[in-house]
C-alpha atoms as a PDB file:
ATOM      1  CA  MET A   1     137.929   6.366 105.257  1.00  0.00           C
ATOM      2  CA  ALA A   2     138.092   9.821 103.650  1.00  0.00           C
ATOM      3  CA  ASP A   3     134.899  11.843 103.578  1.00  0.00           C
ATOM      4  CA  GLU A   4     134.176  12.078  99.862  1.00  0.00           C
ATOM      5  CA  HIS A   5     130.940  12.035  97.908  1.00  0.00           C
ATOM      6  CA  ILE A   6     130.499  12.054  94.137  1.00  0.00           C
ATOM      7  CA  ILE A   7     127.303  12.930  92.312  1.00  0.00           C
ATOM      8  CA  GLU A   8     126.355  13.541  88.712  1.00  0.00           C
ATOM      9  CA  ALA A   9     124.162  16.585  89.060  1.00  0.00           C
ATOM     10  CA  ILE A  10     122.549  19.240  86.894  1.00  0.00           C
ATOM     11  CA  GLY A  11     123.479  18.588  83.290  1.00  0.00           C
ATOM     12  CA  CYS A  12     125.111  15.268  84.202  1.00  0.00           C
ATOM     13  CA  CYS A  13     128.264  17.010  85.423  1.00  0.00           C
ATOM     14  CA  ARG A  14     130.365  15.229  88.040  1.00  0.00           C
ATOM     15  CA  VAL A  15     130.552  17.012  91.389  1.00  0.00           C
ATOM     16  CA  ILE A  16     132.905  16.059  94.229  1.00  0.00           C
ATOM     17  CA  ILE A  17     132.104  17.047  97.805  1.00  0.00           C
ATOM     18  CA  ARG A  18     134.533  16.685 100.701  1.00  0.00           C
ATOM     19  CA  ASP A  19     133.925  17.658 104.322  1.00  0.00           C
ATOM     20  CA  GLY A  20     130.728  19.531 103.467  1.00  0.00           C
ATOM     21  CA  THR A  21     132.241  21.608 100.681  1.00  0.00           C
ATOM     22  CA  VAL A  22     132.007  21.360  96.897  1.00  0.00           C
ATOM     23  CA  VAL A  23     135.611  20.978  95.745  1.00  0.00           C
ATOM     24  CA  SER A  24     135.234  20.087  92.067  1.00  0.00           C
ATOM     25  CA  VAL A  25     132.637  20.462  89.296  1.00  0.00           C
ATOM     26  CA  GLU A  26     133.187  19.168  85.795  1.00  0.00           C
ATOM     27  CA  PRO A  27     131.651  21.029  82.824  1.00  0.00           C
ATOM     28  CA  SER A  28     128.081  20.069  82.007  1.00  0.00           C
ATOM     29  CA  VAL A  29     127.042  18.191  78.888  1.00  0.00           C
ATOM     30  CA  ILE A  30     123.879  20.310  78.594  1.00  0.00           C
ATOM     31  CA  LYS A  31     123.436  24.078  78.705  1.00  0.00           C
ATOM     32  CA  THR A  32     119.961  24.685  80.120  1.00  0.00           C
ATOM     33  CA  CYS A  33     117.242  22.709  81.901  1.00  0.00           C
ATOM     34  CA  PRO A  34     113.681  23.842  82.729  1.00  0.00           C
ATOM     35  CA  LEU A  35     113.777  21.949  86.025  1.00  0.00           C
ATOM     36  CA  ALA A  36     117.036  23.603  87.101  1.00  0.00           C
ATOM     37  CA  ARG A  37     115.488  27.013  86.504  1.00  0.00           C
ATOM     38  CA  ARG A  38     112.903  26.217  89.200  1.00  0.00           C
ATOM     39  CA  PHE A  39     115.398  25.261  91.923  1.00  0.00           C
ATOM     40  CA  ALA A  40     115.534  27.250  95.171  1.00  0.00           C
ATOM     41  CA  ILE A  41     118.875  28.512  93.882  1.00  0.00           C
ATOM     42  CA  PRO A  42     117.945  28.687  90.180  1.00  0.00           C
ATOM     43  CA  VAL A  43     120.389  27.520  87.548  1.00  0.00           C
ATOM     44  CA  HIS A  44     119.606  29.370  84.325  1.00  0.00           C
ATOM     45  CA  GLU A  45     122.862  28.661  82.520  1.00  0.00           C
ATOM     46  CA  ILE A  46     124.530  25.436  83.558  1.00  0.00           C
ATOM     47  CA  THR A  47     128.169  26.172  84.341  1.00  0.00           C
ATOM     48  CA  PRO A  48     130.548  24.726  86.956  1.00  0.00           C
ATOM     49  CA  GLU A  49     130.047  27.917  88.998  1.00  0.00           C
ATOM     50  CA  THR A  50     126.225  27.837  88.995  1.00  0.00           C
ATOM     51  CA  VAL A  51     126.142  24.112  89.726  1.00  0.00           C
ATOM     52  CA  ALA A  52     128.585  24.540  92.618  1.00  0.00           C
ATOM     53  CA  ARG A  53     126.405  27.277  94.139  1.00  0.00           C
ATOM     54  CA  ASN A  54     123.296  25.113  93.877  1.00  0.00           C
ATOM     55  CA  ILE A  55     124.876  22.033  95.428  1.00  0.00           C
ATOM     56  CA  GLN A  56     126.579  24.046  98.163  1.00  0.00           C
ATOM     57  CA  ASN A  57     123.182  25.537  99.017  1.00  0.00           C
ATOM     58  CA  ARG A  58     121.744  22.033  99.417  1.00  0.00           C
ATOM     59  CA  ILE A  59     124.628  21.209 101.758  1.00  0.00           C
ATOM     60  CA  ASP A  60     124.243  24.383 103.820  1.00  0.00           C
ATOM     61  CA  THR A  61     120.423  24.251 103.950  1.00  0.00           C
ATOM     62  CA  PHE A  62     119.651  20.546 104.262  1.00  0.00           C
ATOM     63  CA  GLY A  63     122.908  19.146 105.605  1.00  0.00           C
ATOM     64  CA  MET A  64     123.521  16.946 102.600  1.00  0.00           C
ATOM     65  CA  PHE A  65     126.817  15.049 102.684  1.00  0.00           C
ATOM     66  CA  THR A  66     127.245  15.969 106.373  1.00  0.00           C
ATOM     67  CA  PRO A  67     126.180  14.568 109.777  1.00  0.00           C
ATOM     68  CA  HIS A  68     123.381  17.159 109.783  1.00  0.00           C
ATOM     69  CA  ARG A  69     121.535  15.600 106.841  1.00  0.00           C
ATOM     70  CA  GLN A  70     117.766  16.204 106.970  1.00  0.00           C
ATOM     71  CA  LEU A  71     116.165  12.862 106.174  1.00  0.00           C
ATOM     72  CA  PHE A  72     112.444  13.571 106.267  1.00  0.00           C
ATOM     73  CA  SER A  73     110.260  15.778 104.105  1.00  0.00           C
ATOM     74  CA  ARG A  74     106.696  16.144 102.879  1.00  0.00           C
ATOM     75  CA  ASP A  75     107.600  18.825 100.360  1.00  0.00           C
ATOM     76  CA  THR A  76     107.083  18.177  96.662  1.00  0.00           C
ATOM     77  CA  PHE A  77     110.185  19.062  94.695  1.00  0.00           C
ATOM     78  CA  VAL A  78     109.111  17.650  91.311  1.00  0.00           C
ATOM     79  CA  GLY A  79     105.573  16.631  90.429  1.00  0.00           C
ATOM     80  CA  PHE A  80     106.575  13.229  89.070  1.00  0.00           C
ATOM     81  CA  GLY A  81     110.059  12.805  90.489  1.00  0.00           C
ATOM     82  CA  ALA A  82     111.213   9.344  91.509  1.00  0.00           C
ATOM     83  CA  SER A  83     110.960  10.103  95.233  1.00  0.00           C
ATOM     84  CA  GLU A  84     107.497  11.641  94.816  1.00  0.00           C
ATOM     85  CA  LEU A  85     106.306   8.574  92.925  1.00  0.00           C
ATOM     86  CA  LEU A  86     107.757   6.128  95.446  1.00  0.00           C
ATOM     87  CA  SER A  87     106.556   7.986  98.524  1.00  0.00           C
ATOM     88  CA  THR A  88     103.076   8.106  96.972  1.00  0.00           C
ATOM     89  CA  ALA A  89     103.221   4.379  96.207  1.00  0.00           C
ATOM     90  CA  LEU A  90     104.172   3.678  99.822  1.00  0.00           C
ATOM     91  CA  SER A  91     101.341   5.816 101.164  1.00  0.00           C
ATOM     92  CA  ALA A  92      98.866   4.029  98.897  1.00  0.00           C
ATOM     93  CA  GLY A  93     100.095   0.565  99.842  1.00  0.00           C
ATOM     94  CA  ILE A  94     101.156  -0.268  96.304  1.00  0.00           C
ATOM     95  CA  ILE A  95     104.595  -1.157  97.665  1.00  0.00           C
ATOM     96  CA  ASP A  96     105.843  -2.195 101.102  1.00  0.00           C
ATOM     97  CA  ALA A  97     109.285  -0.582 100.908  1.00  0.00           C
ATOM     98  CA  ALA A  98     111.536   1.403  98.604  1.00  0.00           C
ATOM     99  CA  ILE A  99     115.226   0.794  97.922  1.00  0.00           C
ATOM    100  CA  ILE A 100     117.013   4.080  97.276  1.00  0.00           C
ATOM    101  CA  ALA A 101     120.450   5.686  97.616  1.00  0.00           C
ATOM    102  CA  CYS A 102     121.386   8.203 100.301  1.00  0.00           C
ATOM    103  CA  ASP A 103     124.522  10.304 100.719  1.00  0.00           C
ATOM    104  CA  GLY A 104     126.422   9.124 103.779  1.00  0.00           C
ATOM    105  CA  ALA A 105     124.660   5.749 103.847  1.00  0.00           C
ATOM    106  CA  GLY A 106     124.640   4.242 100.357  1.00  0.00           C
ATOM    107  CA  THR A 107     121.792   1.866  99.640  1.00  0.00           C
ATOM    108  CA  VAL A 108     118.855   2.320 102.019  1.00  0.00           C
ATOM    109  CA  VAL A 109     115.610   0.396 102.487  1.00  0.00           C
ATOM    110  CA  SER A 110     112.682   2.358 103.897  1.00  0.00           C
ATOM    111  CA  ASN A 111     108.952   1.848 104.339  1.00  0.00           C
ATOM    112  CA  GLN A 112     108.333   5.480 105.318  1.00  0.00           C
ATOM    113  CA  PRO A 113     107.075   7.906 102.662  1.00  0.00           C
ATOM    114  CA  ASP A 114     108.549  10.949 104.422  1.00  0.00           C
ATOM    115  CA  MET A 115     112.000   9.351 104.590  1.00  0.00           C
ATOM    116  CA  VAL A 116     111.919   8.334 100.926  1.00  0.00           C
ATOM    117  CA  GLN A 117     110.946  11.878  99.985  1.00  0.00           C
ATOM    118  CA  GLY A 118     113.427  13.491 102.363  1.00  0.00           C
ATOM    119  CA  ILE A 119     116.320  11.417 101.073  1.00  0.00           C
ATOM    120  CA  GLY A 120     115.477  11.282  97.392  1.00  0.00           C
ATOM    121  CA  GLY A 121     113.835  14.627  96.786  1.00  0.00           C
ATOM    122  CA  ARG A 122     117.104  16.543  97.060  1.00  0.00           C
ATOM    123  CA  MET A 123     119.410  13.868  95.664  1.00  0.00           C
ATOM    124  CA  SER A 124     121.118  14.087  92.270  1.00  0.00           C
ATOM    125  CA  GLY A 125     122.697  11.033  90.652  1.00  0.00           C
ATOM    126  CA  LEU A 126     124.672   9.625  93.583  1.00  0.00           C
ATOM    127  CA  VAL A 127     127.710   7.847  92.133  1.00  0.00           C
ATOM    128  CA  LYS A 128     129.731   7.175  95.271  1.00  0.00           C
ATOM    129  CA  THR A 129     129.500   8.101  98.930  1.00  0.00           C
ATOM    130  CA  SER A 130     131.370   7.432 102.155  1.00  0.00           C
ATOM    131  CA  PRO A 131     129.758   6.449 105.464  1.00  0.00           C
ATOM    132  CA  ILE A 132     128.589   9.155 107.848  1.00  0.00           C
ATOM    133  CA  PRO A 133     127.800   7.374 111.152  1.00  0.00           C
ATOM    134  CA  GLU A 134     125.352  10.055 112.304  1.00  0.00           C
ATOM    135  CA  VAL A 135     123.308   9.730 109.116  1.00  0.00           C
ATOM    136  CA  ILE A 136     123.301   5.933 109.272  1.00  0.00           C
ATOM    137  CA  LYS A 137     122.200   6.028 112.929  1.00  0.00           C
ATOM    138  CA  LYS A 138     119.322   8.403 112.153  1.00  0.00           C
ATOM    139  CA  ILE A 139     118.129   6.141 109.347  1.00  0.00           C
ATOM    140  CA  ARG A 140     118.269   3.029 111.524  1.00  0.00           C
ATOM    141  CA  ASP A 141     116.714   4.737 114.542  1.00  0.00           C
ATOM    142  CA  ALA A 142     113.784   5.665 112.299  1.00  0.00           C
ATOM    143  CA  GLY A 143     113.321   2.076 111.139  1.00  0.00           C
ATOM    144  CA  GLY A 144     115.279   2.220 107.894  1.00  0.00           C
ATOM    145  CA  ILE A 145     117.819  -0.393 106.820  1.00  0.00           C
ATOM    146  CA  VAL A 146     121.404   0.341 105.747  1.00  0.00           C
ATOM    147  CA  PRO A 147     122.852  -2.910 104.356  1.00  0.00           C
ATOM    148  CA  ASP A 148     126.485  -1.743 104.268  1.00  0.00           C
ATOM    149  CA  SER A 149     127.194   0.688 107.082  1.00  0.00           C
ATOM    150  CA  ALA A 150     130.938   0.079 106.870  1.00  0.00           C
ATOM    151  CA  ASN A 151     131.346   1.283 103.287  1.00  0.00           C
ATOM    152  CA  ALA A 152     128.055   2.993 102.379  1.00  0.00           C
ATOM    153  CA  SER A 153     128.118   1.112  99.072  1.00  0.00           C
ATOM    154  CA  ILE A 154     125.444   1.609  96.439  1.00  0.00           C
ATOM    155  CA  ASP A 155     124.438  -2.005  95.918  1.00  0.00           C
ATOM    156  CA  PRO A 156     120.990  -2.944  94.527  1.00  0.00           C
ATOM    157  CA  VAL A 157     121.590  -6.647  95.198  1.00  0.00           C
ATOM    158  CA  ALA A 158     122.300  -5.997  98.876  1.00  0.00           C
ATOM    159  CA  GLY A 159     119.277  -3.702  99.067  1.00  0.00           C
ATOM    160  CA  ILE A 160     116.914  -6.302  97.662  1.00  0.00           C
ATOM    161  CA  LYS A 161     118.295  -9.018  99.966  1.00  0.00           C
ATOM    162  CA  ALA A 162     118.026  -6.771 103.031  1.00  0.00           C
ATOM    163  CA  ALA A 163     114.435  -5.866 102.151  1.00  0.00           C
ATOM    164  CA  ARG A 164     113.494  -9.502 101.654  1.00  0.00           C
ATOM    165  CA  ASP A 165     115.207 -10.507 104.904  1.00  0.00           C
ATOM    166  CA  ALA A 166     113.135  -7.844 106.681  1.00  0.00           C
ATOM    167  CA  GLY A 167     109.945  -9.366 105.295  1.00  0.00           C
ATOM    168  CA  TYR A 168     109.126  -6.823 102.615  1.00  0.00           C
ATOM    169  CA  GLN A 169     107.635  -8.353  99.484  1.00  0.00           C
ATOM    170  CA  ARG A 170     106.328  -5.598  97.219  1.00  0.00           C
ATOM    171  CA  LEU A 171     109.350  -3.444  96.507  1.00  0.00           C
ATOM    172  CA  ALA A 172     110.416  -0.572  94.297  1.00  0.00           C
ATOM    173  CA  ILE A 173     114.017   0.272  93.519  1.00  0.00           C
ATOM    174  CA  THR A 174     115.660   3.258  91.862  1.00  0.00           C
ATOM    175  CA  VAL A 175     118.588   2.471  89.588  1.00  0.00           C
ATOM    176  CA  ALA A 176     120.802   4.533  87.302  1.00  0.00           C
ATOM    177  CA  GLY A 177     120.071   3.993  83.630  1.00  0.00           C
ATOM    178  CA  SER A 178     123.349   2.226  82.947  1.00  0.00           C
ATOM    179  CA  ASP A 179     122.619  -0.306  85.725  1.00  0.00           C
ATOM    180  CA  ALA A 180     118.995  -1.024  84.836  1.00  0.00           C
ATOM    181  CA  ALA A 181     119.482  -4.212  82.841  1.00  0.00           C
ATOM    182  CA  GLU A 182     121.779  -5.734  85.476  1.00  0.00           C
ATOM    183  CA  THR A 183     119.289  -4.914  88.246  1.00  0.00           C
ATOM    184  CA  ALA A 184     116.472  -6.439  86.221  1.00  0.00           C
ATOM    185  CA  ARG A 185     118.361  -9.729  86.079  1.00  0.00           C
ATOM    186  CA  ILE A 186     118.315 -10.027  89.868  1.00  0.00           C
ATOM    187  CA  ALA A 187     114.835  -8.576  90.378  1.00  0.00           C
ATOM    188  CA  ASP A 188     111.537 -10.438  90.320  1.00  0.00           C
ATOM    189  CA  SER A 189     107.944  -9.657  89.404  1.00  0.00           C
ATOM    190  CA  GLU A 190     107.262  -8.056  92.796  1.00  0.00           C
ATOM    191  CA  ILE A 191     109.902  -5.347  92.274  1.00  0.00           C
ATOM    192  CA  ILE A 192     109.049  -2.106  90.495  1.00  0.00           C
ATOM    193  CA  ILE A 193     112.156  -0.824  88.702  1.00  0.00           C
ATOM    194  CA  VAL A 194     112.401   2.961  88.455  1.00  0.00           C
ATOM    195  CA  VAL A 195     115.181   4.074  86.118  1.00  0.00           C
ATOM    196  CA  VAL A 196     116.733   7.470  86.764  1.00  0.00           C
ATOM    197  CA  HIS A 197     119.804   9.361  85.570  1.00  0.00           C
ATOM    198  CA  THR A 198     119.399   8.607  81.861  1.00  0.00           C
ATOM    199  CA  THR A 199     121.147  11.533  80.142  1.00  0.00           C
ATOM    200  CA  GLY A 200     123.576  10.401  77.454  1.00  0.00           C
ATOM    201  CA  LEU A 201     122.405   6.804  77.103  1.00  0.00           C
ATOM    202  CA  THR A 202     122.875   5.006  73.796  1.00  0.00           C
ATOM    203  CA  GLU A 203     120.079   3.555  71.671  1.00  0.00           C
ATOM    204  CA  SER A 204     120.972   0.055  72.858  1.00  0.00           C
ATOM    205  CA  ASP A 205     120.808   1.240  76.480  1.00  0.00           C
ATOM    206  CA  ALA A 206     117.365   2.725  75.858  1.00  0.00           C
ATOM    207  CA  GLU A 207     116.163  -0.452  74.144  1.00  0.00           C
ATOM    208  CA  ARG A 208     117.208  -2.561  77.139  1.00  0.00           C
ATOM    209  CA  ILE A 209     115.567  -0.132  79.547  1.00  0.00           C
ATOM    210  CA  SER A 210     112.330  -0.166  77.551  1.00  0.00           C
ATOM    211  CA  GLN A 211     112.200  -3.934  78.049  1.00  0.00           C
ATOM    212  CA  CYS A 212     113.031  -4.108  81.765  1.00  0.00           C
ATOM    213  CA  ALA A 213     111.865  -0.914  83.479  1.00  0.00           C
ATOM    214  CA  ASP A 214     108.489  -0.106  84.982  1.00  0.00           C
ATOM    215  CA  ILE A 215     109.061   3.653  85.178  1.00  0.00           C
ATOM    216  CA  VAL A 216     111.702   5.707  83.342  1.00  0.00           C
ATOM    217  CA  THR A 217     112.663   9.348  83.851  1.00  0.00           C
ATOM    218  CA  SER A 218     113.815  10.944  80.608  1.00  0.00           C
ATOM    219  CA  CYS A 219     116.237  13.576  82.024  1.00  0.00           C
ATOM    220  CA  ALA A 220     117.980  15.122  78.975  1.00  0.00           C
ATOM    221  CA  SER A 221     118.006  11.877  76.996  1.00  0.00           C
ATOM    222  CA  GLN A 222     116.959  11.914  73.359  1.00  0.00           C
ATOM    223  CA  THR A 223     117.066   8.118  73.116  1.00  0.00           C
ATOM    224  CA  ILE A 224     114.798   7.597  76.136  1.00  0.00           C
ATOM    225  CA  ARG A 225     112.244  10.033  74.722  1.00  0.00           C
ATOM    226  CA  THR A 226     112.301   8.322  71.334  1.00  0.00           C
ATOM    227  CA  ILE A 227     112.530   4.658  72.273  1.00  0.00           C
ATOM    228  CA  CYS A 228     110.893   4.401  75.701  1.00  0.00           C
ATOM    229  CA  GLY A 229     108.380   7.110  74.832  1.00  0.00           C
ATOM    230  CA  LYS A 230     107.011   5.099  71.917  1.00  0.00           C
ATOM    231  CA  ALA A 231     106.688   1.965  74.056  1.00  0.00           C
ATOM    232  CA  ALA A 232     105.192   3.673  77.131  1.00  0.00           C
ATOM    233  CA  LEU A 233     101.687   3.105  78.454  1.00  0.00           C
ATOM    234  CA  ILE A 234     101.552   6.533  80.091  1.00  0.00           C
ATOM    235  CA  GLN A 235     103.552   9.773  80.087  1.00  0.00           C
ATOM    236  CA  ALA A 236     103.653  12.272  82.951  1.00  0.00           C
ATOM    237  CA  GLY A 237     104.912  15.739  82.078  1.00  0.00           C
ATOM    238  CA  LYS A 238     106.264  17.122  78.799  1.00  0.00           C
ATOM    239  CA  SER A 239     109.426  19.105  79.507  1.00  0.00           C
ATOM    240  CA  ILE A 240     111.130  16.193  81.270  1.00  0.00           C
ATOM    241  CA  PRO A 241     108.733  13.288  80.703  1.00  0.00           C
ATOM    242  CA  VAL A 242     108.380  10.321  83.001  1.00  0.00           C
ATOM    243  CA  PHE A 243     107.226   7.173  81.243  1.00  0.00           C
ATOM    244  CA  GLY A 244     105.236   4.300  82.722  1.00  0.00           C
ATOM    245  CA  MET A 245     106.334   1.239  80.765  1.00  0.00           C
ATOM    246  CA  THR A 246     104.243  -1.477  82.439  1.00  0.00           C
ATOM    247  CA  ALA A 247     100.890  -1.854  84.156  1.00  0.00           C
ATOM    248  CA  LYS A 248     102.638  -1.532  87.537  1.00  0.00           C
ATOM    249  CA  GLY A 249     104.435   1.619  86.468  1.00  0.00           C
ATOM    250  CA  LYS A 250     101.204   3.039  85.096  1.00  0.00           C
ATOM    251  CA  GLU A 251      99.462   2.293  88.400  1.00  0.00           C
ATOM    252  CA  VAL A 252     102.062   4.263  90.369  1.00  0.00           C
ATOM    253  CA  ILE A 253     101.827   7.271  88.046  1.00  0.00           C
ATOM    254  CA  ILE A 254      98.009   7.227  88.126  1.00  0.00           C
ATOM    255  CA  GLU A 255      98.106   7.126  91.926  1.00  0.00           C
ATOM    256  CA  ARG A 256     100.409  10.125  91.861  1.00  0.00           C
ATOM    257  CA  LEU A 257      97.919  11.895  89.574  1.00  0.00           C
ATOM    258  CA  ARG A 258      95.170  11.103  92.074  1.00  0.00           C
ATOM    259  CA  VAL A 259      96.858  12.810  95.017  1.00  0.00           C
ATOM    260  CA  ILE A 260      98.126  15.917  93.190  1.00  0.00           C
ATOM    261  CA  SER A 261      95.918  18.858  94.118  1.00  0.00           C
ATOM    262  CA  ASP A 262      96.706  20.966  91.038  1.00  0.00           C
ATOM    263  CA  PRO A 263      94.326  20.946  88.044  1.00  0.00           C
ATOM    264  CA  LEU A 264      95.267  18.296  85.491  1.00  0.00           C
ATOM    265  CA  LEU A 265      94.533  17.551  81.847  1.00  0.00           C
ATOM    266  CA  VAL A 266      94.244  13.860  80.992  1.00  0.00           C
ATOM    267  CA  THR A 267      93.875  12.887  77.348  1.00  0.00           C
ATOM    268  CA  GLY A 268      94.628  10.012  75.027  1.00  0.00           C
ATOM    269  CA  SER A 269      97.431  10.459  72.517  1.00  0.00           C
ATOM    270  CA  PRO A 270     100.244   8.622  70.758  1.00  0.00           C
ATOM    271  CA  LEU A 271     103.425   8.966  72.800  1.00  0.00           C
ATOM    272  CA  PRO A 272     105.773  10.624  73.358  1.00  0.00           C
ATOM    273  CA  ILE A 273     104.529  14.204  73.485  1.00  0.00           C
ATOM    274  CA  ARG A 274     107.292  16.803  73.406  1.00  0.00           C
ATOM    275  CA  GLY A 275     107.251  19.949  75.504  1.00  0.00           C
ATOM    276  CA  GLU A 276     107.969  23.485  74.363  1.00  0.00           C
ATOM    277  CA  SER A 277     110.648  23.786  77.030  1.00  0.00           C
ATOM    278  CA  GLU A 278     113.162  20.929  77.267  1.00  0.00           C
ATOM    279  CA  PRO A 279     116.761  20.540  78.361  1.00  0.00           C
ATOM    280  CA  THR A 280     119.166  21.694  75.657  1.00  0.00           C
ATOM    281  CA  PRO A 281     120.719  19.934  73.984  1.00  0.00           C
ATOM    282  CA  LEU A 282     119.085  16.533  74.307  1.00  0.00           C
ATOM    283  CA  ILE A 283     121.779  13.856  74.138  1.00  0.00           C
END
C-alpha cells in the first residue's frame, strides 16, 4: 500500500503527504485565522505555501505521517481543543476511553490522557491515512487499540465496537461535522460525541449537529456559530468558540475550566458571543 495521507488543514484546504513530505496543498477557503497565527510556525496569511511550511514543520518536528510519530504529550495546544477536552475528561474519570483518529493508524481507542493529547493535539482534519506499522506497534504497546491495522481506516463504528469489546463503557468520540449524524445513529447514551472540522457546513448540517452532538467546535463555520451557538448550554472561547450542547458536554467543558491555571471570567449571557478576532471569512 502506498504511503499517502490526506488532511484538511488550516482554512479547510486539502493537503497530501507522501513519504514524510508535503506534495500538494489546495487553496484555502479562508484567508486568516487567529488560531493559525499562534502556531509554532505562524500562518498569518493562509496560502498553499504557508500551509505547506506549517505542516512540513509538524512532520519534521513531531514525526507526523512517519514511523517517528510522537504519540504522547502533556502540552496544551489549544485551551478548549478536542484533544484537550478529551484528555481532561479521561483524567477526571468522566470517560473511560476516547475514540480518535491518528495518522498512520486510522481509528484509535485509548484510555491514556497523554496519548489522546499527543495524537490529537497536532492533528488537523484527517481524511485518509495509510498504515505505518511502527506507529501502530507503538500505540498497541502502550495499551491503545487499533481496530484496522491492515488499512488504517477511519471508522467510528469499528472504534465503538473495539472499545466495547475491550470493556470500556463511558466513551467519547471525535467525528467530522459531515459524519456527525451518521455516528449518532450508531452511538448510545454513554458516548459523548465531539464534532470537529465544521468549516463550510450547511444550515441543515448545523441543525442536525445541534440535535445530536454533545460538544461542537465552530472552526470557521458561520452556521455552527448561529445555529449551535443559540442552542448551546455553554460556550468556551470567543474567537473560535466551542459549544457544549448537552449536560454531558457542559460537564466536560466545566472540568476543563477547572484544571486551567490561567485566570478566567465566567458570566451568564445569551449565546453565542462573538469575538473581535475570528477566522475570515466565516463560511
